[in-house]
Amino acid sequence: MIDLTPYQDPLTIQRVLHNAKTIAIVGLSGNELRASHFVGYYARRHGYRVIPVNPRETQILGEPCYKSLLDVPVHVDIVDVFRAPDAVPGIAKEAVAIHADVLWCQFGVVNAAYTGALNVLGPAVAKQHLRGAAGWAGVLVAVQAGLIASGLVLLRWRPRRLLRTATFGSFGLALPLFALARPEPLVVVIVAAFASGYLSEIFGVLWDTTYQQEIPPDKLSRLSAYDAIGSWALMPLGFAVAGPVGAAVGPRATFLGAGAVIVVASALVLLSRDVRTLERR
């Protein structure tokens, strides 16, 4: 099996964007409010040729649309995917068939799983088991308190292994989801929420530090924009599906499933040697 996790490395992303000229965006929307449209517009504005792949449209951003990657008549450097996860395997096969250099998928599934489960199902669990609105307010305050406490610690603490420490922090997002699955007593959920805020701030600060250290200033804005879109674009989907999934399989299974997604996605990142060994300079 090919280890894909090194391609989350900022230096690899920089090289990919520097060498690429043509980007095929699968699922590019003609709606200017959609994240895929913004990515296409942004890439085109910065000199890339953007090829829309969307069988429902005829033209987007002044370029003709193609039904599939197999119909694209020119070489594609990057295939950028804005489709549901179940469509990715077929798109990957097409990307291999046309000899595309890079397949780029959105890594926002962690944020989608966390925000959807916590913010949609959390209040319902709190209403039944955690003293209602007052209990849920305590949970939300604990998250913010964890963020603040972590920020204060990171003013003095300077971990040597930036990305390894940051990735360990991302596991913390699963803690309140596992606590809500049972659900645990309110005090346990509050402690888990505080820990998630504390650990997620470690991830955020060290990830930003890595960007500042490794990315040249003239590339920083562009890469940060791509990173932000990839991180946040799937969050509305998380909000949309958490309720129906919770109704279909129950809140417990939904919380456990969302937590498992976070743990597995974070663990896969640690397979990358670059993530484990990158040091602060």
C-alpha atoms as a PDB file:
ATOM      1  CA  MET A   1       0.000   0.000   0.000  1.00  0.00           C
ATOM      2  CA  ILE A   2       1.307   3.464  -0.886  1.00  0.00           C
ATOM      3  CA  ASP A   3       1.761   5.812   2.064  1.00  0.00           C
ATOM      4  CA  LEU A   4      -0.117   8.977   1.119  1.00  0.00           C
ATOM      5  CA  THR A   5       0.415  10.841   4.360  1.00  0.00           C
ATOM      6  CA  PRO A   6       3.637  12.626   3.318  1.00  0.00           C
ATOM      7  CA  TYR A   7       1.506  14.649   0.928  1.00  0.00           C
ATOM      8  CA  GLN A   8       0.009  16.474   3.899  1.00  0.00           C
ATOM      9  CA  ASP A   9       3.473  17.962   4.451  1.00  0.00           C
ATOM     10  CA  PRO A  10       3.604  21.750   3.764  1.00  0.00           C
ATOM     11  CA  LEU A  11       6.864  21.482   1.793  1.00  0.00           C
ATOM     12  CA  THR A  12       5.373  18.852  -0.491  1.00  0.00           C
ATOM     13  CA  ILE A  13       2.302  21.025  -1.033  1.00  0.00           C
ATOM     14  CA  GLN A  14       4.548  23.948  -1.908  1.00  0.00           C
ATOM     15  CA  ARG A  15       6.439  21.897  -4.517  1.00  0.00           C
ATOM     16  CA  VAL A  16       3.196  20.622  -6.026  1.00  0.00           C
ATOM     17  CA  LEU A  17       1.732  24.095  -6.419  1.00  0.00           C
ATOM     18  CA  HIS A  18       4.993  25.525  -7.751  1.00  0.00           C
ATOM     19  CA  ASN A  19       5.355  22.913 -10.491  1.00  0.00           C
ATOM     20  CA  ALA A  20       1.707  22.644 -11.538  1.00  0.00           C
ATOM     21  CA  LYS A  21       0.114  24.578 -14.380  1.00  0.00           C
ATOM     22  CA  THR A  22      -3.212  22.790 -14.968  1.00  0.00           C
ATOM     23  CA  ILE A  23      -5.754  21.917 -12.264  1.00  0.00           C
ATOM     24  CA  ALA A  24      -8.847  19.829 -12.975  1.00  0.00           C
ATOM     25  CA  ILE A  25     -11.466  20.442 -10.284  1.00  0.00           C
ATOM     26  CA  VAL A  26     -13.908  17.544 -10.019  1.00  0.00           C
ATOM     27  CA  GLY A  27     -17.190  18.871  -8.655  1.00  0.00           C
ATOM     28  CA  LEU A  28     -16.441  22.514  -9.446  1.00  0.00           C
ATOM     29  CA  SER A  29     -19.667  24.440  -8.875  1.00  0.00           C
ATOM     30  CA  GLY A  30     -20.998  27.370 -10.849  1.00  0.00           C
ATOM     31  CA  ASN A  31     -22.370  28.772  -7.587  1.00  0.00           C
ATOM     32  CA  GLU A  32     -20.045  31.551  -6.452  1.00  0.00           C
ATOM     33  CA  LEU A  33     -20.871  30.843  -2.797  1.00  0.00           C
ATOM     34  CA  ARG A  34     -19.535  27.275  -2.914  1.00  0.00           C
ATOM     35  CA  ALA A  35     -16.016  26.520  -1.693  1.00  0.00           C
ATOM     36  CA  SER A  36     -15.113  24.730  -4.932  1.00  0.00           C
ATOM     37  CA  HIS A  37     -15.942  27.845  -6.960  1.00  0.00           C
ATOM     38  CA  PHE A  38     -13.770  30.007  -4.737  1.00  0.00           C
ATOM     39  CA  VAL A  39     -10.849  27.576  -5.083  1.00  0.00           C
ATOM     40  CA  GLY A  40     -11.226  27.572  -8.876  1.00  0.00           C
ATOM     41  CA  TYR A  41     -11.471  31.350  -9.045  1.00  0.00           C
ATOM     42  CA  TYR A  42      -8.482  31.782  -6.752  1.00  0.00           C
ATOM     43  CA  ALA A  43      -6.333  29.292  -8.682  1.00  0.00           C
ATOM     44  CA  ARG A  44      -7.249  30.883 -12.031  1.00  0.00           C
ATOM     45  CA  ARG A  45      -6.448  34.337 -10.719  1.00  0.00           C
ATOM     46  CA  HIS A  46      -2.978  33.123  -9.733  1.00  0.00           C
ATOM     47  CA  GLY A  47      -2.105  31.800 -13.169  1.00  0.00           C
ATOM     48  CA  TYR A  48      -3.294  28.197 -13.148  1.00  0.00           C
ATOM     49  CA  ARG A  49      -5.448  26.820 -15.928  1.00  0.00           C
ATOM     50  CA  VAL A  50      -8.591  25.499 -14.268  1.00  0.00           C
ATOM     51  CA  ILE A  51     -10.547  22.712 -15.979  1.00  0.00           C
ATOM     52  CA  PRO A  52     -14.057  22.127 -14.600  1.00  0.00           C
ATOM     53  CA  VAL A  53     -15.234  18.515 -14.353  1.00  0.00           C
ATOM     54  CA  ASN A  54     -18.978  18.630 -13.746  1.00  0.00           C
ATOM     55  CA  PRO A  55     -21.517  16.781 -15.926  1.00  0.00           C
ATOM     56  CA  ARG A  56     -24.312  19.131 -14.820  1.00  0.00           C
ATOM     57  CA  GLU A  57     -22.722  22.290 -16.212  1.00  0.00           C
ATOM     58  CA  THR A  58     -21.557  23.379 -19.652  1.00  0.00           C
ATOM     59  CA  GLN A  59     -19.188  26.181 -18.686  1.00  0.00           C
ATOM     60  CA  ILE A  60     -17.685  27.500 -15.436  1.00  0.00           C
ATOM     61  CA  LEU A  61     -15.135  30.293 -15.017  1.00  0.00           C
ATOM     62  CA  GLY A  62     -14.998  30.724 -18.781  1.00  0.00           C
ATOM     63  CA  GLU A  63     -13.869  27.125 -19.359  1.00  0.00           C
ATOM     64  CA  PRO A  64     -15.901  24.265 -20.905  1.00  0.00           C
ATOM     65  CA  CYS A  65     -16.993  21.568 -18.470  1.00  0.00           C
ATOM     66  CA  TYR A  66     -16.198  17.893 -18.952  1.00  0.00           C
ATOM     67  CA  LYS A  67     -18.277  14.961 -17.770  1.00  0.00           C
ATOM     68  CA  SER A  68     -15.325  13.068 -16.332  1.00  0.00           C
ATOM     69  CA  LEU A  69     -11.551  13.234 -16.096  1.00  0.00           C
ATOM     70  CA  LEU A  70     -11.362  10.755 -18.963  1.00  0.00           C
ATOM     71  CA  ASP A  71     -12.846  13.401 -21.274  1.00  0.00           C
ATOM     72  CA  VAL A  72     -10.229  16.061 -20.506  1.00  0.00           C
ATOM     73  CA  PRO A  73      -8.091  16.459 -23.686  1.00  0.00           C
ATOM     74  CA  VAL A  74      -4.928  17.898 -22.050  1.00  0.00           C
ATOM     75  CA  HIS A  75      -2.477  16.738 -19.409  1.00  0.00           C
ATOM     76  CA  VAL A  76      -3.643  17.451 -15.859  1.00  0.00           C
ATOM     77  CA  ASP A  77      -1.094  18.271 -13.188  1.00  0.00           C
ATOM     78  CA  ILE A  78      -3.473  18.322 -10.201  1.00  0.00           C
ATOM     79  CA  VAL A  79      -6.876  16.693  -9.759  1.00  0.00           C
ATOM     80  CA  ASP A  80      -8.668  18.576  -6.976  1.00  0.00           C
ATOM     81  CA  VAL A  81     -11.722  16.718  -5.668  1.00  0.00           C
ATOM     82  CA  PHE A  82     -14.867  18.359  -4.286  1.00  0.00           C
ATOM     83  CA  ARG A  83     -17.112  15.327  -4.146  1.00  0.00           C
ATOM     84  CA  ALA A  84     -18.559  13.080  -1.451  1.00  0.00           C
ATOM     85  CA  PRO A  85     -16.113  10.491  -0.039  1.00  0.00           C
ATOM     86  CA  ASP A  86     -17.864   7.564  -1.742  1.00  0.00           C
ATOM     87  CA  ALA A  87     -17.035   9.087  -5.159  1.00  0.00           C
ATOM     88  CA  VAL A  88     -13.305   9.375  -4.471  1.00  0.00           C
ATOM     89  CA  PRO A  89     -12.251   5.790  -5.415  1.00  0.00           C
ATOM     90  CA  GLY A  90     -13.721   6.131  -8.919  1.00  0.00           C
ATOM     91  CA  ILE A  91     -12.164   9.572  -9.347  1.00  0.00           C
ATOM     92  CA  ALA A  92      -8.810   8.194  -8.202  1.00  0.00           C
ATOM     93  CA  LYS A  93      -8.971   5.474 -10.870  1.00  0.00           C
ATOM     94  CA  GLU A  94      -9.678   8.099 -13.519  1.00  0.00           C
ATOM     95  CA  ALA A  95      -6.798  10.245 -12.259  1.00  0.00           C
ATOM     96  CA  VAL A  96      -4.445   7.266 -12.618  1.00  0.00           C
ATOM     97  CA  ALA A  97      -5.832   6.485 -16.079  1.00  0.00           C
ATOM     98  CA  ILE A  98      -5.075   9.986 -17.395  1.00  0.00           C
ATOM     99  CA  HIS A  99      -1.634  10.026 -15.704  1.00  0.00           C
ATOM    100  CA  ALA A 100      -2.392  13.034 -13.515  1.00  0.00           C
ATOM    101  CA  ASP A 101       0.531  13.990 -11.319  1.00  0.00           C
ATOM    102  CA  VAL A 102      -1.384  14.692  -8.090  1.00  0.00           C
ATOM    103  CA  LEU A 103      -4.754  13.763  -6.591  1.00  0.00           C
ATOM    104  CA  TRP A 104      -5.786  16.356  -4.009  1.00  0.00           C
ATOM    105  CA  CYS A 105      -8.643  15.558  -1.629  1.00  0.00           C
ATOM    106  CA  GLN A 106     -10.033  17.741   1.143  1.00  0.00           C
ATOM    107  CA  PHE A 107      -8.838  16.803   4.638  1.00  0.00           C
ATOM    108  CA  GLY A 108     -11.639  18.629   6.416  1.00  0.00           C
ATOM    109  CA  VAL A 109     -13.336  15.395   7.504  1.00  0.00           C
ATOM    110  CA  VAL A 110     -11.932  15.769  11.045  1.00  0.00           C
ATOM    111  CA  ASN A 111     -13.484  19.206  11.508  1.00  0.00           C
ATOM    112  CA  ALA A 112     -16.726  18.019   9.905  1.00  0.00           C
ATOM    113  CA  ALA A 113     -16.974  15.017  12.235  1.00  0.00           C
ATOM    114  CA  TYR A 114     -16.177  17.057  15.330  1.00  0.00           C
ATOM    115  CA  THR A 115     -18.371  20.101  14.725  1.00  0.00           C
ATOM    116  CA  GLY A 116     -21.312  18.149  13.344  1.00  0.00           C
ATOM    117  CA  ALA A 117     -21.552  15.613  16.157  1.00  0.00           C
ATOM    118  CA  LEU A 118     -20.734  18.024  18.987  1.00  0.00           C
ATOM    119  CA  ASN A 119     -22.898  20.973  17.979  1.00  0.00           C
ATOM    120  CA  VAL A 120     -25.909  19.133  16.561  1.00  0.00           C
ATOM    121  CA  LEU A 121     -26.247  16.136  18.891  1.00  0.00           C
ATOM    122  CA  GLY A 122     -24.474  17.542  21.950  1.00  0.00           C
ATOM    123  CA  PRO A 123     -27.296  19.888  23.018  1.00  0.00           C
ATOM    124  CA  ALA A 124     -29.853  17.069  22.706  1.00  0.00           C
ATOM    125  CA  VAL A 125     -27.783  14.815  24.959  1.00  0.00           C
ATOM    126  CA  ALA A 126     -27.270  17.667  27.409  1.00  0.00           C
ATOM    127  CA  LYS A 127     -31.015  18.301  27.569  1.00  0.00           C
ATOM    128  CA  GLN A 128     -31.729  14.694  28.572  1.00  0.00           C
ATOM    129  CA  HIS A 129     -28.703  13.762  30.667  1.00  0.00           C
ATOM    130  CA  LEU A 130     -26.470  16.748  31.528  1.00  0.00           C
ATOM    131  CA  ARG A 131     -28.720  19.280  33.291  1.00  0.00           C
ATOM    132  CA  GLY A 132     -29.935  20.961  30.133  1.00  0.00           C
ATOM    133  CA  ALA A 133     -28.785  24.364  28.942  1.00  0.00           C
ATOM    134  CA  ALA A 134     -26.763  25.103  32.077  1.00  0.00           C
ATOM    135  CA  GLY A 135     -24.802  21.866  31.725  1.00  0.00           C
ATOM    136  CA  TRP A 136     -24.171  22.414  28.038  1.00  0.00           C
ATOM    137  CA  ALA A 137     -22.999  25.959  28.735  1.00  0.00           C
ATOM    138  CA  GLY A 138     -20.460  24.466  31.132  1.00  0.00           C
ATOM    139  CA  VAL A 139     -19.210  22.152  28.380  1.00  0.00           C
ATOM    140  CA  LEU A 140     -18.774  25.014  25.909  1.00  0.00           C
ATOM    141  CA  VAL A 141     -17.058  27.202  28.501  1.00  0.00           C
ATOM    142  CA  ALA A 142     -14.670  24.346  29.258  1.00  0.00           C
ATOM    143  CA  VAL A 143     -13.647  24.142  25.584  1.00  0.00           C
ATOM    144  CA  GLN A 144     -12.850  27.855  25.502  1.00  0.00           C
ATOM    145  CA  ALA A 145     -11.044  27.684  28.836  1.00  0.00           C
ATOM    146  CA  GLY A 146      -8.878  24.899  27.428  1.00  0.00           C
ATOM    147  CA  LEU A 147      -8.011  27.034  24.406  1.00  0.00           C
ATOM    148  CA  ILE A 148      -6.984  29.955  26.609  1.00  0.00           C
ATOM    149  CA  ALA A 149      -4.972  27.812  29.026  1.00  0.00           C
ATOM    150  CA  SER A 150      -3.125  26.122  26.177  1.00  0.00           C
ATOM    151  CA  GLY A 151      -2.355  29.450  24.533  1.00  0.00           C
ATOM    152  CA  LEU A 152      -0.811  30.726  27.753  1.00  0.00           C
ATOM    153  CA  VAL A 153       1.315  27.597  28.132  1.00  0.00           C
ATOM    154  CA  LEU A 154       2.503  27.835  24.522  1.00  0.00           C
ATOM    155  CA  LEU A 155       3.841  31.328  25.184  1.00  0.00           C
ATOM    156  CA  ARG A 156       6.642  29.571  27.082  1.00  0.00           C
ATOM    157  CA  TRP A 157       6.588  25.950  25.884  1.00  0.00           C
ATOM    158  CA  ARG A 158       8.386  25.421  22.562  1.00  0.00           C
ATOM    159  CA  PRO A 159       8.159  21.751  21.479  1.00  0.00           C
ATOM    160  CA  ARG A 160      11.049  20.637  19.279  1.00  0.00           C
ATOM    161  CA  ARG A 161       9.043  18.274  17.034  1.00  0.00           C
ATOM    162  CA  LEU A 162       6.445  20.638  15.616  1.00  0.00           C
ATOM    163  CA  LEU A 163       4.173  18.473  13.482  1.00  0.00           C
ATOM    164  CA  ARG A 164       4.422  15.366  15.641  1.00  0.00           C
ATOM    165  CA  THR A 165       3.318  17.307  18.717  1.00  0.00           C
ATOM    166  CA  ALA A 166       0.617  19.107  16.716  1.00  0.00           C
ATOM    167  CA  THR A 167      -0.802  15.831  15.424  1.00  0.00           C
ATOM    168  CA  PHE A 168      -0.954  14.359  18.920  1.00  0.00           C
ATOM    169  CA  GLY A 169      -3.015  17.429  19.808  1.00  0.00           C
ATOM    170  CA  SER A 170      -5.575  16.673  17.107  1.00  0.00           C
ATOM    171  CA  PHE A 171      -6.535  13.423  18.879  1.00  0.00           C
ATOM    172  CA  GLY A 172      -8.057  15.576  21.614  1.00  0.00           C
ATOM    173  CA  LEU A 173     -11.025  16.496  19.449  1.00  0.00           C
ATOM    174  CA  ALA A 174     -12.359  12.971  19.929  1.00  0.00           C
ATOM    175  CA  LEU A 175     -12.448  13.172  23.745  1.00  0.00           C
ATOM    176  CA  PRO A 176     -15.772  15.018  24.249  1.00  0.00           C
ATOM    177  CA  LEU A 177     -17.407  12.867  21.560  1.00  0.00           C
ATOM    178  CA  PHE A 178     -16.463   9.671  23.395  1.00  0.00           C
ATOM    179  CA  ALA A 179     -17.592  11.199  26.700  1.00  0.00           C
ATOM    180  CA  LEU A 180     -20.974  12.153  25.215  1.00  0.00           C
ATOM    181  CA  ALA A 181     -21.489   8.708  23.653  1.00  0.00           C
ATOM    182  CA  ARG A 182     -22.309   7.010  26.946  1.00  0.00           C
ATOM    183  CA  PRO A 183     -22.949   9.776  28.186  1.00  0.00           C
ATOM    184  CA  GLU A 184     -20.537  10.166  31.090  1.00  0.00           C
ATOM    185  CA  PRO A 185     -21.420  12.340  34.123  1.00  0.00           C
ATOM    186  CA  LEU A 186     -21.361  16.080  33.487  1.00  0.00           C
ATOM    187  CA  VAL A 187     -18.050  16.624  35.282  1.00  0.00           C
ATOM    188  CA  VAL A 188     -16.351  14.032  33.054  1.00  0.00           C
ATOM    189  CA  VAL A 189     -17.760  15.630  29.901  1.00  0.00           C
ATOM    190  CA  ILE A 190     -16.544  19.044  31.089  1.00  0.00           C
ATOM    191  CA  VAL A 191     -13.042  17.688  31.724  1.00  0.00           C
ATOM    192  CA  ALA A 192     -13.032  16.068  28.270  1.00  0.00           C
ATOM    193  CA  ALA A 193     -14.190  19.339  26.706  1.00  0.00           C
ATOM    194  CA  PHE A 194     -11.415  21.274  28.467  1.00  0.00           C
ATOM    195  CA  ALA A 195      -8.856  18.734  27.272  1.00  0.00           C
ATOM    196  CA  SER A 196     -10.129  18.976  23.694  1.00  0.00           C
ATOM    197  CA  GLY A 197      -9.774  22.752  23.716  1.00  0.00           C
ATOM    198  CA  TYR A 198      -6.313  22.533  25.269  1.00  0.00           C
ATOM    199  CA  LEU A 199      -5.043  19.949  22.801  1.00  0.00           C
ATOM    200  CA  SER A 200      -6.643  21.504  19.713  1.00  0.00           C
ATOM    201  CA  GLU A 201      -4.941  24.812  20.496  1.00  0.00           C
ATOM    202  CA  ILE A 202      -1.607  22.979  20.577  1.00  0.00           C
ATOM    203  CA  PHE A 203      -2.380  21.695  17.096  1.00  0.00           C
ATOM    204  CA  GLY A 204      -3.409  25.117  15.798  1.00  0.00           C
ATOM    205  CA  VAL A 205      -0.428  27.034  17.169  1.00  0.00           C
ATOM    206  CA  LEU A 206       2.178  24.488  16.090  1.00  0.00           C
ATOM    207  CA  TRP A 207       0.626  24.062  12.639  1.00  0.00           C
ATOM    208  CA  ASP A 208       0.764  27.826  12.105  1.00  0.00           C
ATOM    209  CA  THR A 209       4.322  27.875  13.435  1.00  0.00           C
ATOM    210  CA  THR A 210       5.278  25.219  10.885  1.00  0.00           C
ATOM    211  CA  TYR A 211       3.813  27.315   8.088  1.00  0.00           C
ATOM    212  CA  GLN A 212       5.741  30.385   9.201  1.00  0.00           C
ATOM    213  CA  GLN A 213       8.961  28.393   9.455  1.00  0.00           C
ATOM    214  CA  GLU A 214       8.791  26.280   6.300  1.00  0.00           C
ATOM    215  CA  ILE A 215       6.897  28.324   3.692  1.00  0.00           C
ATOM    216  CA  PRO A 216       8.515  31.300   1.913  1.00  0.00           C
ATOM    217  CA  PRO A 217       6.700  34.590   2.603  1.00  0.00           C
ATOM    218  CA  ASP A 218       5.617  35.034  -1.028  1.00  0.00           C
ATOM    219  CA  LYS A 219       3.855  31.624  -0.966  1.00  0.00           C
ATOM    220  CA  LEU A 220       2.375  31.822   2.529  1.00  0.00           C
ATOM    221  CA  SER A 221      -0.885  33.567   1.662  1.00  0.00           C
ATOM    222  CA  ARG A 222      -1.732  31.181  -1.161  1.00  0.00           C
ATOM    223  CA  LEU A 223      -0.980  28.031   0.802  1.00  0.00           C
ATOM    224  CA  SER A 224      -2.831  29.327   3.854  1.00  0.00           C
ATOM    225  CA  ALA A 225      -5.922  29.956   1.721  1.00  0.00           C
ATOM    226  CA  TYR A 226      -5.851  26.419   0.326  1.00  0.00           C
ATOM    227  CA  ASP A 227      -5.307  25.006   3.793  1.00  0.00           C
ATOM    228  CA  ALA A 228      -8.216  26.978   5.258  1.00  0.00           C
ATOM    229  CA  ILE A 229     -10.619  25.897   2.529  1.00  0.00           C
ATOM    230  CA  GLY A 230      -9.577  22.268   2.873  1.00  0.00           C
ATOM    231  CA  SER A 231     -10.005  22.474   6.641  1.00  0.00           C
ATOM    232  CA  TRP A 232     -13.386  24.187   6.803  1.00  0.00           C
ATOM    233  CA  ALA A 233     -15.179  23.406   3.543  1.00  0.00           C
ATOM    234  CA  LEU A 234     -16.747  20.161   4.824  1.00  0.00           C
ATOM    235  CA  MET A 235     -18.019  21.594   8.107  1.00  0.00           C
ATOM    236  CA  PRO A 236     -21.461  22.538   6.709  1.00  0.00           C
ATOM    237  CA  LEU A 237     -21.778  18.950   5.507  1.00  0.00           C
ATOM    238  CA  GLY A 238     -20.996  17.768   9.023  1.00  0.00           C
ATOM    239  CA  PHE A 239     -23.806  19.919  10.410  1.00  0.00           C
ATOM    240  CA  ALA A 240     -26.192  18.687   7.711  1.00  0.00           C
ATOM    241  CA  VAL A 241     -25.628  14.955   8.164  1.00  0.00           C
ATOM    242  CA  ALA A 242     -25.146  14.689  11.935  1.00  0.00           C
ATOM    243  CA  GLY A 243     -28.869  14.946  12.674  1.00  0.00           C
ATOM    244  CA  PRO A 244     -30.078  12.394  10.098  1.00  0.00           C
ATOM    245  CA  VAL A 245     -27.272   9.991  10.987  1.00  0.00           C
ATOM    246  CA  GLY A 246     -28.060  10.364  14.689  1.00  0.00           C
ATOM    247  CA  ALA A 247     -31.730   9.655  14.007  1.00  0.00           C
ATOM    248  CA  ALA A 248     -30.882   6.590  11.928  1.00  0.00           C
ATOM    249  CA  VAL A 249     -28.257   4.888  14.116  1.00  0.00           C
ATOM    250  CA  GLY A 250     -28.635   6.701  17.438  1.00  0.00           C
ATOM    251  CA  PRO A 251     -26.513   9.389  19.129  1.00  0.00           C
ATOM    252  CA  ARG A 252     -24.167   6.874  20.782  1.00  0.00           C
ATOM    253  CA  ALA A 253     -23.136   5.256  17.495  1.00  0.00           C
ATOM    254  CA  THR A 254     -22.821   8.667  15.843  1.00  0.00           C
ATOM    255  CA  PHE A 255     -20.546  10.031  18.565  1.00  0.00           C
ATOM    256  CA  LEU A 256     -18.398   6.893  18.533  1.00  0.00           C
ATOM    257  CA  GLY A 257     -18.202   6.918  14.736  1.00  0.00           C
ATOM    258  CA  ALA A 258     -17.223  10.594  14.594  1.00  0.00           C
ATOM    259  CA  GLY A 259     -14.611  10.058  17.293  1.00  0.00           C
ATOM    260  CA  ALA A 260     -13.213   7.074  15.418  1.00  0.00           C
ATOM    261  CA  VAL A 261     -12.918   9.153  12.226  1.00  0.00           C
ATOM    262  CA  ILE A 262     -10.848  11.731  14.132  1.00  0.00           C
ATOM    263  CA  VAL A 263      -8.590   9.115  15.727  1.00  0.00           C
ATOM    264  CA  VAL A 264      -7.974   7.194  12.501  1.00  0.00           C
ATOM    265  CA  ALA A 265      -7.354  10.324  10.403  1.00  0.00           C
ATOM    266  CA  SER A 266      -4.907  11.679  12.983  1.00  0.00           C
ATOM    267  CA  ALA A 267      -3.118   8.344  13.335  1.00  0.00           C
ATOM    268  CA  LEU A 268      -2.625   8.063   9.581  1.00  0.00           C
ATOM    269  CA  VAL A 269      -0.856  11.419   9.527  1.00  0.00           C
ATOM    270  CA  LEU A 270       1.708  10.079  12.005  1.00  0.00           C
ATOM    271  CA  LEU A 271       2.737   7.452   9.445  1.00  0.00           C
ATOM    272  CA  SER A 272       4.611  10.194   7.625  1.00  0.00           C
ATOM    273  CA  ARG A 273       8.288  10.368   8.558  1.00  0.00           C
ATOM    274  CA  ASP A 274       8.316  14.086   7.740  1.00  0.00           C
ATOM    275  CA  VAL A 275       5.536  14.692  10.251  1.00  0.00           C
ATOM    276  CA  ARG A 276       7.338  12.732  12.947  1.00  0.00           C
ATOM    277  CA  THR A 277      10.782  14.287  12.443  1.00  0.00           C
ATOM    278  CA  LEU A 278      10.320  17.939  11.404  1.00  0.00           C
ATOM    279  CA  GLU A 279      12.038  20.083  14.042  1.00  0.00           C
ATOM    280  CA  ARG A 280      11.799  23.692  15.147  1.00  0.00           C
ATOM    281  CA  ARG A 281      14.646  25.834  13.884  1.00  0.00           C
END
